[in-house]
Amino acid sequence: MLMTRRYASHMRATEENCSASRKEWLQMVHATAQHSTAAIRSAINALASSEPTHRARLRYAG
């Protein structure tokens, strides 16, 4: 994400003003998003790697 200096400064100030519980909540949300993204990526990779095998089975079965 492209950030201007003003926006970056605003974000730093906002982060500094966050309470500890809000920071913990934001970290939890971020970790959950990363975990979800990794799970989705893993599922897509599994489907992509199994697709040729599935096609081959259909070809030989038909």
Protein backbone atom coordinates (compact mmCIF):
# COMPACT_ATOMS: atom_id res chain seq x y z
CA MET A 1 0.00 0.00 0.00
CA LEU A 2 1.32 3.38 -0.97
CA MET A 3 1.29 5.74 2.00
CA THR A 4 1.91 9.43 2.10
CA ARG A 5 3.99 10.83 4.94
CA ARG A 6 0.93 12.49 6.39
CA TYR A 7 -1.06 9.24 6.35
CA ALA A 8 1.85 7.29 7.85
CA SER A 9 2.18 9.91 10.58
CA HIS A 10 -1.55 9.72 11.25
CA MET A 11 -1.39 5.92 11.49
CA ARG A 12 1.53 6.05 13.94
CA ALA A 13 -0.32 8.56 16.11
CA THR A 14 -3.47 6.45 15.98
CA GLU A 15 -1.54 3.33 16.94
CA GLU A 16 0.14 5.11 19.84
CA ASN A 17 -3.25 6.27 21.10
CA CYS A 18 -4.78 2.80 21.01
CA SER A 19 -5.30 1.15 24.35
CA ALA A 20 -3.47 -2.07 25.12
CA SER A 21 -6.65 -4.12 24.75
CA ARG A 22 -7.36 -2.60 21.35
CA LYS A 23 -3.81 -3.38 20.22
CA GLU A 24 -4.27 -6.97 21.39
CA TRP A 25 -7.58 -7.15 19.53
CA LEU A 26 -5.98 -5.79 16.35
CA GLN A 27 -3.13 -8.29 16.64
CA MET A 28 -5.64 -11.12 17.07
CA VAL A 29 -7.61 -9.99 14.02
CA HIS A 30 -4.40 -9.74 11.99
CA ALA A 31 -3.26 -13.22 13.08
CA THR A 32 -6.69 -14.67 12.27
CA ALA A 33 -6.63 -13.07 8.83
CA GLN A 34 -3.16 -14.46 8.16
CA HIS A 35 -4.27 -17.93 9.31
CA SER A 36 -7.39 -17.78 7.12
CA THR A 37 -5.37 -16.61 4.13
CA ALA A 38 -2.90 -19.45 4.63
CA ALA A 39 -5.74 -21.99 4.91
CA ILE A 40 -7.38 -20.70 1.73
CA ARG A 41 -4.06 -20.72 -0.12
CA SER A 42 -3.42 -24.29 1.06
CA ALA A 43 -6.88 -25.42 -0.11
CA ILE A 44 -6.38 -23.80 -3.51
CA ASN A 45 -2.98 -25.45 -3.89
CA ALA A 46 -4.44 -28.83 -2.91
CA LEU A 47 -7.22 -28.47 -5.47
CA ALA A 48 -4.81 -27.30 -8.14
CA SER A 49 -2.44 -30.21 -7.55
CA SER A 50 -5.24 -32.81 -7.49
CA GLU A 51 -7.07 -31.52 -10.57
CA PRO A 52 -4.91 -33.24 -13.24
CA THR A 53 -5.23 -36.55 -11.38
CA HIS A 54 -8.98 -36.10 -11.18
CA ARG A 55 -9.17 -35.36 -14.91
CA ALA A 56 -7.08 -38.43 -15.68
CA ARG A 57 -9.39 -40.63 -13.60
CA LEU A 58 -12.42 -39.26 -15.41
CA ARG A 59 -10.75 -39.86 -18.77
CA TYR A 60 -9.88 -43.49 -17.97
CA ALA A 61 -13.23 -44.19 -16.31
CA GLY A 62 -15.18 -42.91 -19.31
